[in-house]
Amino acid sequence: TKKSAVFATTEDNQTIVQIRVLQGEREFAKDNKILGEFQLGGIPAALRNMQRIDVNFDIDVNGILTVTAKNDTTGLETSITIEGSSKLADADIAKMLKEAENFSKIDKTKKEYVDLKNEANSLIYNVNKTLENNNENMNPTLIFEIKELITEITKALLSDVLQPQELKSKMQLLEDKIKKNN
């Protein structure tokens, strides 16, 4: 069987990606078994999300898994082969499935939390780029209001007790202010 996924760099000027191959049903990597890992280097430095990495998973009839990562821009490719010795026992698989079922609500809530934080960080990044590129064309009062909202969102992200609705509300205000400029 084969499966493909496309990923992007997460940092500006990122030239290496780490690929971790996991086995399990949980939402977060730390809750699954690591089968192997490798790096794809030689990625041209660019803004985050600009470099695409195609990752292909191929399991043959003998249970041998080959994972290949390829950079779309350069065509550079690297892979790892994981043989049957990494296979979990049926009892371990059953245990992992049961744990995934038992923790599904908790994992879902944690994932929503992480997704919201990632969305907020991405919004801040994009708004800062917009300010950087259009600063001279924007109303100074609007710039001040936008920077204040960015500060409030950043503080909320650093808080020990994140209030999702409050964060979403501030993110929406920030998006509205940016649209107001256009």
N, C-alpha and C. Protein backbone atom coordinates (compact mmCIF):
# COMPACT_ATOMS: atom_id res chain seq x y z
N THR A 1 0.84 -1.17 0.00
CA THR A 1 0.00 0.00 0.00
C THR A 1 0.89 1.24 0.00
N LYS A 2 0.35 2.33 -0.51
CA LYS A 2 1.11 3.58 -0.57
C LYS A 2 0.26 4.72 -0.04
N LYS A 3 0.94 5.69 0.54
CA LYS A 3 0.28 6.90 1.05
C LYS A 3 1.25 8.05 0.87
N SER A 4 0.73 9.20 0.50
CA SER A 4 1.56 10.39 0.32
C SER A 4 1.02 11.54 1.15
N ALA A 5 1.90 12.44 1.53
CA ALA A 5 1.51 13.65 2.24
C ALA A 5 2.48 14.76 1.84
N VAL A 6 1.98 15.98 1.84
CA VAL A 6 2.82 17.13 1.51
C VAL A 6 2.95 17.99 2.77
N PHE A 7 4.19 18.36 3.08
CA PHE A 7 4.47 19.18 4.23
C PHE A 7 5.21 20.43 3.76
N ALA A 8 5.32 21.42 4.63
CA ALA A 8 6.03 22.66 4.30
C ALA A 8 6.98 23.00 5.43
N THR A 9 7.96 23.83 5.11
CA THR A 9 8.87 24.30 6.15
C THR A 9 8.08 25.15 7.14
N THR A 10 8.54 25.18 8.38
CA THR A 10 7.81 25.90 9.43
C THR A 10 8.55 27.14 9.92
N GLU A 11 9.77 27.33 9.45
CA GLU A 11 10.57 28.48 9.88
C GLU A 11 11.15 29.17 8.65
N ASP A 12 11.36 30.47 8.75
CA ASP A 12 12.07 31.19 7.68
C ASP A 12 13.48 30.64 7.56
N ASN A 13 13.96 30.52 6.33
CA ASN A 13 15.32 30.08 6.01
C ASN A 13 15.65 28.67 6.50
N GLN A 14 14.65 27.84 6.68
CA GLN A 14 14.86 26.45 7.09
C GLN A 14 15.46 25.67 5.94
N THR A 15 16.59 25.01 6.18
CA THR A 15 17.28 24.28 5.11
C THR A 15 17.29 22.77 5.33
N ILE A 16 16.75 22.32 6.47
CA ILE A 16 16.70 20.89 6.80
C ILE A 16 15.34 20.58 7.42
N VAL A 17 14.78 19.42 7.06
CA VAL A 17 13.59 18.95 7.75
C VAL A 17 13.89 17.59 8.36
N GLN A 18 13.35 17.38 9.53
CA GLN A 18 13.49 16.10 10.24
C GLN A 18 12.21 15.31 10.00
N ILE A 19 12.33 14.10 9.51
CA ILE A 19 11.19 13.24 9.26
C ILE A 19 11.21 12.13 10.31
N ARG A 20 10.12 12.03 11.07
CA ARG A 20 9.98 10.95 12.07
C ARG A 20 8.86 10.03 11.61
N VAL A 21 9.15 8.76 11.59
CA VAL A 21 8.18 7.75 11.18
C VAL A 21 7.64 7.10 12.45
N LEU A 22 6.33 7.17 12.63
CA LEU A 22 5.71 6.70 13.86
C LEU A 22 4.69 5.61 13.58
N GLN A 23 4.44 4.82 14.60
CA GLN A 23 3.39 3.81 14.55
C GLN A 23 2.46 4.07 15.72
N GLY A 24 1.18 4.18 15.43
CA GLY A 24 0.21 4.39 16.49
C GLY A 24 -0.99 5.18 16.00
N GLU A 25 -1.95 5.33 16.87
CA GLU A 25 -3.22 5.95 16.51
C GLU A 25 -3.47 7.26 17.24
N ARG A 26 -2.54 7.71 18.06
CA ARG A 26 -2.76 8.91 18.86
C ARG A 26 -2.48 10.17 18.04
N GLU A 27 -3.05 11.28 18.48
CA GLU A 27 -2.91 12.56 17.77
C GLU A 27 -1.50 13.13 17.83
N PHE A 28 -0.78 12.88 18.92
CA PHE A 28 0.52 13.50 19.13
C PHE A 28 1.64 12.47 19.02
N ALA A 29 2.72 12.90 18.40
CA ALA A 29 3.85 12.02 18.15
C ALA A 29 4.37 11.37 19.42
N LYS A 30 4.42 12.12 20.52
CA LYS A 30 4.99 11.61 21.76
C LYS A 30 4.21 10.41 22.31
N ASP A 31 2.98 10.24 21.86
CA ASP A 31 2.14 9.14 22.34
C ASP A 31 2.20 7.91 21.44
N ASN A 32 3.04 7.94 20.41
CA ASN A 32 3.17 6.83 19.48
C ASN A 32 4.59 6.30 19.50
N LYS A 33 4.79 5.17 18.84
CA LYS A 33 6.12 4.52 18.81
C LYS A 33 6.91 5.05 17.61
N ILE A 34 8.14 5.48 17.88
CA ILE A 34 9.02 5.92 16.79
C ILE A 34 9.64 4.70 16.13
N LEU A 35 9.43 4.59 14.82
CA LEU A 35 10.01 3.48 14.06
C LEU A 35 11.35 3.86 13.45
N GLY A 36 11.52 5.15 13.16
CA GLY A 36 12.77 5.61 12.57
C GLY A 36 12.68 7.09 12.27
N GLU A 37 13.83 7.69 11.97
CA GLU A 37 13.85 9.10 11.61
C GLU A 37 15.04 9.38 10.71
N PHE A 38 14.89 10.42 9.90
CA PHE A 38 15.96 10.83 9.00
C PHE A 38 15.77 12.30 8.64
N GLN A 39 16.79 12.88 7.99
CA GLN A 39 16.74 14.29 7.61
C GLN A 39 16.83 14.45 6.11
N LEU A 40 16.13 15.47 5.63
CA LEU A 40 16.27 15.91 4.24
C LEU A 40 16.90 17.29 4.30
N GLY A 41 18.10 17.42 3.76
CA GLY A 41 18.82 18.70 3.77
C GLY A 41 18.87 19.29 2.37
N GLY A 42 19.58 20.38 2.25
CA GLY A 42 19.75 21.02 0.95
C GLY A 42 18.53 21.79 0.48
N ILE A 43 17.65 22.12 1.41
CA ILE A 43 16.45 22.89 1.06
C ILE A 43 16.87 24.35 0.92
N PRO A 44 16.51 25.00 -0.19
CA PRO A 44 16.87 26.41 -0.34
C PRO A 44 16.22 27.27 0.73
N ALA A 45 16.98 28.20 1.28
CA ALA A 45 16.45 29.12 2.29
C ALA A 45 15.35 29.97 1.67
N ALA A 46 14.21 30.02 2.36
CA ALA A 46 13.07 30.80 1.88
C ALA A 46 12.17 31.10 3.07
N LEU A 47 11.14 31.90 2.84
CA LEU A 47 10.16 32.15 3.88
C LEU A 47 9.48 30.85 4.24
N ARG A 48 9.00 30.75 5.48
CA ARG A 48 8.32 29.53 5.90
C ARG A 48 7.11 29.27 5.01
N ASN A 49 6.76 28.03 4.89
CA ASN A 49 5.64 27.55 4.05
C ASN A 49 5.90 27.66 2.56
N MET A 50 7.06 28.14 2.15
CA MET A 50 7.33 28.29 0.72
C MET A 50 7.96 27.03 0.13
N GLN A 51 8.66 26.26 0.93
CA GLN A 51 9.29 25.04 0.44
C GLN A 51 8.40 23.84 0.77
N ARG A 52 8.06 23.06 -0.23
CA ARG A 52 7.20 21.90 -0.06
C ARG A 52 8.03 20.62 -0.04
N ILE A 53 7.63 19.72 0.85
CA ILE A 53 8.30 18.43 0.98
C ILE A 53 7.25 17.35 0.76
N ASP A 54 7.45 16.53 -0.27
CA ASP A 54 6.57 15.39 -0.53
C ASP A 54 7.11 14.20 0.24
N VAL A 55 6.27 13.58 1.06
CA VAL A 55 6.67 12.40 1.81
C VAL A 55 5.79 11.25 1.36
N ASN A 56 6.43 10.17 0.94
CA ASN A 56 5.72 8.98 0.46
C ASN A 56 6.01 7.79 1.37
N PHE A 57 4.96 7.07 1.72
CA PHE A 57 5.06 5.88 2.54
C PHE A 57 4.66 4.70 1.67
N ASP A 58 5.50 3.68 1.62
CA ASP A 58 5.23 2.52 0.78
C ASP A 58 5.52 1.25 1.59
N ILE A 59 4.48 0.46 1.83
CA ILE A 59 4.65 -0.82 2.54
C ILE A 59 4.49 -1.93 1.51
N ASP A 60 5.52 -2.78 1.39
CA ASP A 60 5.44 -3.87 0.41
C ASP A 60 4.79 -5.11 1.03
N VAL A 61 4.66 -6.17 0.24
CA VAL A 61 3.97 -7.39 0.69
C VAL A 61 4.69 -8.08 1.85
N ASN A 62 5.97 -7.78 2.05
CA ASN A 62 6.73 -8.37 3.15
C ASN A 62 6.69 -7.52 4.42
N GLY A 63 5.92 -6.43 4.40
CA GLY A 63 5.81 -5.57 5.57
C GLY A 63 6.97 -4.60 5.71
N ILE A 64 7.75 -4.44 4.65
CA ILE A 64 8.87 -3.50 4.69
C ILE A 64 8.36 -2.12 4.29
N LEU A 65 8.61 -1.15 5.16
CA LEU A 65 8.16 0.22 4.95
C LEU A 65 9.31 1.07 4.43
N THR A 66 9.07 1.74 3.32
CA THR A 66 10.04 2.70 2.79
C THR A 66 9.39 4.07 2.83
N VAL A 67 10.07 5.01 3.46
CA VAL A 67 9.57 6.38 3.54
C VAL A 67 10.56 7.26 2.80
N THR A 68 10.04 8.02 1.83
CA THR A 68 10.87 8.88 1.00
C THR A 68 10.41 10.32 1.16
N ALA A 69 11.36 11.24 1.32
CA ALA A 69 11.06 12.67 1.39
C ALA A 69 11.78 13.35 0.23
N LYS A 70 11.04 14.23 -0.49
CA LYS A 70 11.61 14.90 -1.65
C LYS A 70 11.23 16.37 -1.63
N ASN A 71 12.22 17.24 -1.83
CA ASN A 71 11.96 18.67 -1.92
C ASN A 71 11.50 19.00 -3.33
N ASP A 72 10.35 19.65 -3.45
CA ASP A 72 9.79 19.98 -4.76
C ASP A 72 10.69 20.90 -5.58
N THR A 73 11.35 21.83 -4.92
CA THR A 73 12.15 22.83 -5.63
C THR A 73 13.43 22.24 -6.19
N THR A 74 14.17 21.50 -5.37
CA THR A 74 15.49 21.01 -5.79
C THR A 74 15.45 19.60 -6.38
N GLY A 75 14.41 18.86 -6.04
CA GLY A 75 14.35 17.46 -6.47
C GLY A 75 15.19 16.55 -5.58
N LEU A 76 15.88 17.13 -4.57
CA LEU A 76 16.67 16.32 -3.65
C LEU A 76 15.74 15.38 -2.89
N GLU A 77 16.24 14.16 -2.68
CA GLU A 77 15.41 13.12 -2.08
C GLU A 77 16.24 12.27 -1.15
N THR A 78 15.62 11.81 -0.08
CA THR A 78 16.27 10.87 0.83
C THR A 78 15.21 9.95 1.39
N SER A 79 15.64 8.81 1.92
CA SER A 79 14.64 7.85 2.39
C SER A 79 15.17 7.00 3.54
N ILE A 80 14.26 6.25 4.13
CA ILE A 80 14.59 5.30 5.17
C ILE A 80 13.77 4.04 4.90
N THR A 81 14.36 2.90 5.19
CA THR A 81 13.65 1.63 5.06
C THR A 81 13.55 1.01 6.45
N ILE A 82 12.33 0.63 6.80
CA ILE A 82 12.08 0.03 8.12
C ILE A 82 11.56 -1.37 7.90
N GLU A 83 12.30 -2.33 8.43
CA GLU A 83 11.95 -3.74 8.20
C GLU A 83 11.09 -4.28 9.33
N GLY A 84 10.59 -5.46 9.17
CA GLY A 84 9.65 -6.10 10.09
C GLY A 84 10.07 -6.17 11.54
N SER A 85 11.36 -6.01 11.83
CA SER A 85 11.80 -6.10 13.22
C SER A 85 11.20 -4.99 14.08
N SER A 86 10.70 -3.95 13.43
CA SER A 86 10.08 -2.83 14.16
C SER A 86 8.61 -3.08 14.42
N LYS A 87 8.10 -4.18 13.92
CA LYS A 87 6.67 -4.46 14.03
C LYS A 87 6.28 -4.73 15.48
N LEU A 88 5.15 -4.17 15.85
CA LEU A 88 4.64 -4.40 17.21
C LEU A 88 3.91 -5.74 17.27
N ALA A 89 3.91 -6.32 18.45
CA ALA A 89 3.16 -7.55 18.69
C ALA A 89 1.67 -7.21 18.66
N ASP A 90 0.83 -8.19 18.34
CA ASP A 90 -0.62 -7.97 18.29
C ASP A 90 -1.16 -7.41 19.59
N ALA A 91 -0.64 -7.88 20.73
CA ALA A 91 -1.09 -7.39 22.03
C ALA A 91 -0.75 -5.91 22.21
N ASP A 92 0.43 -5.50 21.72
CA ASP A 92 0.83 -4.09 21.81
C ASP A 92 -0.05 -3.22 20.91
N ILE A 93 -0.38 -3.74 19.74
CA ILE A 93 -1.26 -3.00 18.82
C ILE A 93 -2.63 -2.83 19.46
N ALA A 94 -3.16 -3.89 20.04
CA ALA A 94 -4.46 -3.81 20.71
C ALA A 94 -4.43 -2.80 21.85
N LYS A 95 -3.33 -2.79 22.60
CA LYS A 95 -3.18 -1.84 23.70
C LYS A 95 -3.15 -0.41 23.18
N MET A 96 -2.41 -0.18 22.09
CA MET A 96 -2.33 1.15 21.51
C MET A 96 -3.69 1.62 20.99
N LEU A 97 -4.43 0.72 20.38
CA LEU A 97 -5.77 1.08 19.89
C LEU A 97 -6.71 1.43 21.04
N LYS A 98 -6.62 0.67 22.12
CA LYS A 98 -7.45 0.92 23.30
C LYS A 98 -7.09 2.28 23.91
N GLU A 99 -5.79 2.56 24.02
CA GLU A 99 -5.35 3.84 24.55
C GLU A 99 -5.84 5.00 23.66
N ALA A 100 -5.76 4.80 22.35
CA ALA A 100 -6.22 5.84 21.43
C ALA A 100 -7.71 6.12 21.64
N GLU A 101 -8.46 5.06 21.83
CA GLU A 101 -9.90 5.20 22.08
C GLU A 101 -10.15 5.90 23.42
N ASN A 102 -9.45 5.48 24.46
CA ASN A 102 -9.63 6.05 25.80
C ASN A 102 -9.24 7.52 25.87
N PHE A 103 -8.23 7.91 25.12
CA PHE A 103 -7.72 9.27 25.18
C PHE A 103 -8.21 10.15 24.03
N SER A 104 -9.14 9.65 23.22
CA SER A 104 -9.54 10.39 22.02
C SER A 104 -10.09 11.77 22.32
N LYS A 105 -10.92 11.91 23.35
CA LYS A 105 -11.49 13.23 23.68
C LYS A 105 -10.40 14.18 24.19
N ILE A 106 -9.54 13.68 25.05
CA ILE A 106 -8.45 14.50 25.57
C ILE A 106 -7.51 14.91 24.43
N ASP A 107 -7.15 13.95 23.57
CA ASP A 107 -6.27 14.24 22.44
C ASP A 107 -6.91 15.26 21.50
N LYS A 108 -8.21 15.13 21.27
CA LYS A 108 -8.91 16.06 20.38
C LYS A 108 -8.86 17.48 20.95
N THR A 109 -9.10 17.62 22.24
CA THR A 109 -9.06 18.94 22.89
C THR A 109 -7.65 19.52 22.82
N LYS A 110 -6.65 18.69 23.09
CA LYS A 110 -5.26 19.15 23.03
C LYS A 110 -4.90 19.58 21.61
N LYS A 111 -5.37 18.82 20.62
CA LYS A 111 -5.08 19.14 19.22
C LYS A 111 -5.73 20.46 18.83
N GLU A 112 -6.96 20.68 19.25
CA GLU A 112 -7.64 21.95 18.96
C GLU A 112 -6.87 23.11 19.57
N TYR A 113 -6.37 22.92 20.77
CA TYR A 113 -5.57 23.92 21.48
C TYR A 113 -4.30 24.23 20.69
N VAL A 114 -3.59 23.19 20.28
CA VAL A 114 -2.35 23.35 19.52
C VAL A 114 -2.64 24.01 18.17
N ASP A 115 -3.69 23.57 17.50
CA ASP A 115 -4.06 24.16 16.21
C ASP A 115 -4.37 25.65 16.34
N LEU A 116 -5.08 26.02 17.41
CA LEU A 116 -5.41 27.42 17.64
C LEU A 116 -4.14 28.24 17.87
N LYS A 117 -3.22 27.71 18.68
CA LYS A 117 -1.96 28.42 18.91
C LYS A 117 -1.17 28.56 17.61
N ASN A 118 -1.14 27.50 16.79
CA ASN A 118 -0.44 27.57 15.51
C ASN A 118 -1.08 28.59 14.58
N GLU A 119 -2.41 28.61 14.57
CA GLU A 119 -3.14 29.57 13.75
C GLU A 119 -2.82 31.00 14.19
N ALA A 120 -2.79 31.22 15.50
CA ALA A 120 -2.48 32.56 16.03
C ALA A 120 -1.05 32.96 15.67
N ASN A 121 -0.11 32.05 15.84
CA ASN A 121 1.28 32.35 15.48
C ASN A 121 1.43 32.65 14.00
N SER A 122 0.72 31.91 13.18
CA SER A 122 0.75 32.13 11.74
C SER A 122 0.16 33.49 11.38
N LEU A 123 -0.94 33.83 12.03
CA LEU A 123 -1.56 35.14 11.80
C LEU A 123 -0.60 36.26 12.18
N ILE A 124 0.03 36.15 13.33
CA ILE A 124 0.99 37.17 13.77
C ILE A 124 2.12 37.29 12.75
N TYR A 125 2.64 36.18 12.30
CA TYR A 125 3.72 36.18 11.31
C TYR A 125 3.28 36.90 10.05
N ASN A 126 2.11 36.54 9.53
CA ASN A 126 1.62 37.13 8.28
C ASN A 126 1.33 38.62 8.43
N VAL A 127 0.76 39.00 9.56
CA VAL A 127 0.47 40.42 9.79
C VAL A 127 1.78 41.21 9.90
N ASN A 128 2.76 40.66 10.60
CA ASN A 128 4.06 41.35 10.70
C ASN A 128 4.69 41.52 9.32
N LYS A 129 4.58 40.51 8.46
CA LYS A 129 5.10 40.63 7.08
C LYS A 129 4.34 41.71 6.32
N THR A 130 3.02 41.77 6.52
CA THR A 130 2.21 42.79 5.86
C THR A 130 2.64 44.18 6.33
N LEU A 131 2.83 44.34 7.64
CA LEU A 131 3.29 45.63 8.17
C LEU A 131 4.66 45.99 7.61
N GLU A 132 5.53 45.01 7.55
CA GLU A 132 6.88 45.23 7.05
C GLU A 132 6.87 45.72 5.61
N ASN A 133 5.98 45.14 4.80
CA ASN A 133 5.95 45.44 3.37
C ASN A 133 5.08 46.65 3.02
N ASN A 134 4.15 47.03 3.89
CA ASN A 134 3.21 48.11 3.56
C ASN A 134 3.20 49.24 4.58
N ASN A 135 4.18 49.29 5.44
CA ASN A 135 4.21 50.24 6.54
C ASN A 135 3.99 51.68 6.08
N GLU A 136 4.66 52.09 5.02
CA GLU A 136 4.56 53.49 4.58
C GLU A 136 3.20 53.83 3.98
N ASN A 137 2.42 52.83 3.58
CA ASN A 137 1.11 53.08 2.98
C ASN A 137 -0.04 52.97 3.98
N MET A 138 0.28 52.69 5.23
CA MET A 138 -0.77 52.46 6.22
C MET A 138 -0.93 53.65 7.16
N ASN A 139 -2.13 53.81 7.64
CA ASN A 139 -2.46 54.83 8.62
C ASN A 139 -1.71 54.52 9.91
N PRO A 140 -0.97 55.50 10.47
CA PRO A 140 -0.21 55.26 11.70
C PRO A 140 -1.07 54.80 12.88
N THR A 141 -2.29 55.30 12.97
CA THR A 141 -3.18 54.88 14.05
C THR A 141 -3.54 53.41 13.90
N LEU A 142 -3.80 53.01 12.66
CA LEU A 142 -4.12 51.60 12.39
C LEU A 142 -2.92 50.71 12.70
N ILE A 143 -1.74 51.15 12.34
CA ILE A 143 -0.53 50.38 12.65
C ILE A 143 -0.39 50.19 14.16
N PHE A 144 -0.61 51.27 14.91
CA PHE A 144 -0.54 51.20 16.37
C PHE A 144 -1.55 50.19 16.91
N GLU A 145 -2.80 50.24 16.43
CA GLU A 145 -3.85 49.33 16.89
C GLU A 145 -3.49 47.88 16.56
N ILE A 146 -2.94 47.66 15.38
CA ILE A 146 -2.55 46.31 14.95
C ILE A 146 -1.42 45.79 15.86
N LYS A 147 -0.43 46.63 16.12
CA LYS A 147 0.69 46.21 16.98
C LYS A 147 0.22 45.92 18.40
N GLU A 148 -0.74 46.69 18.90
CA GLU A 148 -1.31 46.44 20.22
C GLU A 148 -2.00 45.08 20.27
N LEU A 149 -2.77 44.77 19.22
CA LEU A 149 -3.45 43.47 19.16
C LEU A 149 -2.45 42.33 19.08
N ILE A 150 -1.39 42.52 18.31
CA ILE A 150 -0.34 41.50 18.22
C ILE A 150 0.26 41.25 19.60
N THR A 151 0.51 42.31 20.35
CA THR A 151 1.04 42.18 21.71
C THR A 151 0.07 41.42 22.60
N GLU A 152 -1.22 41.75 22.52
CA GLU A 152 -2.23 41.07 23.34
C GLU A 152 -2.31 39.58 22.99
N ILE A 153 -2.28 39.27 21.71
CA ILE A 153 -2.35 37.86 21.27
C ILE A 153 -1.10 37.12 21.73
N THR A 154 0.06 37.75 21.60
CA THR A 154 1.31 37.13 22.03
C THR A 154 1.27 36.84 23.53
N LYS A 155 0.78 37.79 24.32
CA LYS A 155 0.67 37.58 25.77
C LYS A 155 -0.29 36.42 26.06
N ALA A 156 -1.40 36.37 25.33
CA ALA A 156 -2.36 35.28 25.54
C ALA A 156 -1.72 33.93 25.22
N LEU A 157 -0.90 33.88 24.18
CA LEU A 157 -0.23 32.63 23.81
C LEU A 157 0.78 32.19 24.87
N LEU A 158 1.38 33.14 25.55
CA LEU A 158 2.38 32.83 26.57
C LEU A 158 1.76 32.55 27.94
N SER A 159 0.48 32.81 28.06
CA SER A 159 -0.22 32.62 29.32
C SER A 159 -0.33 31.13 29.66
N ASP A 160 -0.32 30.84 30.95
CA ASP A 160 -0.49 29.46 31.40
C ASP A 160 -1.92 28.96 31.18
N VAL A 161 -2.85 29.89 31.17
CA VAL A 161 -4.26 29.53 31.00
C VAL A 161 -4.79 30.25 29.75
N LEU A 162 -4.72 29.56 28.64
CA LEU A 162 -5.19 30.13 27.38
C LEU A 162 -6.71 30.08 27.33
N GLN A 163 -7.32 31.20 27.04
CA GLN A 163 -8.78 31.28 26.88
C GLN A 163 -9.08 31.27 25.39
N PRO A 164 -9.48 30.11 24.83
CA PRO A 164 -9.66 30.00 23.39
C PRO A 164 -10.62 31.03 22.78
N GLN A 165 -11.76 31.28 23.43
CA GLN A 165 -12.72 32.23 22.86
C GLN A 165 -12.16 33.64 22.83
N GLU A 166 -11.47 34.02 23.90
CA GLU A 166 -10.86 35.35 23.96
C GLU A 166 -9.78 35.48 22.88
N LEU A 167 -8.98 34.44 22.71
CA LEU A 167 -7.93 34.46 21.68
C LEU A 167 -8.55 34.55 20.29
N LYS A 168 -9.57 33.75 20.03
CA LYS A 168 -10.25 33.79 18.73
C LYS A 168 -10.82 35.18 18.45
N SER A 169 -11.38 35.80 19.47
CA SER A 169 -11.95 37.14 19.33
C SER A 169 -10.87 38.16 18.95
N LYS A 170 -9.74 38.09 19.61
CA LYS A 170 -8.63 39.01 19.32
C LYS A 170 -8.05 38.74 17.93
N MET A 171 -7.99 37.48 17.55
CA MET A 171 -7.51 37.13 16.22
C MET A 171 -8.45 37.70 15.16
N GLN A 172 -9.75 37.59 15.39
CA GLN A 172 -10.73 38.12 14.45
C GLN A 172 -10.60 39.64 14.33
N LEU A 173 -10.42 40.32 15.47
CA LEU A 173 -10.21 41.78 15.45
C LEU A 173 -8.98 42.15 14.62
N LEU A 174 -7.92 41.38 14.80
CA LEU A 174 -6.68 41.64 14.06
C LEU A 174 -6.92 41.43 12.56
N GLU A 175 -7.58 40.35 12.20
CA GLU A 175 -7.88 40.10 10.79
C GLU A 175 -8.74 41.23 10.21
N ASP A 176 -9.71 41.69 10.97
CA ASP A 176 -10.58 42.78 10.51
C ASP A 176 -9.80 44.07 10.28
N LYS A 177 -8.85 44.35 11.18
CA LYS A 177 -8.04 45.57 11.04
C LYS A 177 -7.15 45.50 9.80
N ILE A 178 -6.60 44.33 9.54
CA ILE A 178 -5.77 44.17 8.34
C ILE A 178 -6.62 44.33 7.08
N LYS A 179 -7.81 43.73 7.09
CA LYS A 179 -8.72 43.88 5.93
C LYS A 179 -9.13 45.33 5.74
N LYS A 180 -9.30 46.04 6.86
CA LYS A 180 -9.68 47.45 6.83
C LYS A 180 -8.66 48.26 6.03
N ASN A 181 -7.40 47.85 6.12
CA ASN A 181 -6.34 48.55 5.41
C ASN A 181 -6.45 48.33 3.90
N ASN A 182 -6.97 47.20 3.49
CA ASN A 182 -7.07 46.89 2.06
C ASN A 182 -8.27 47.53 1.52
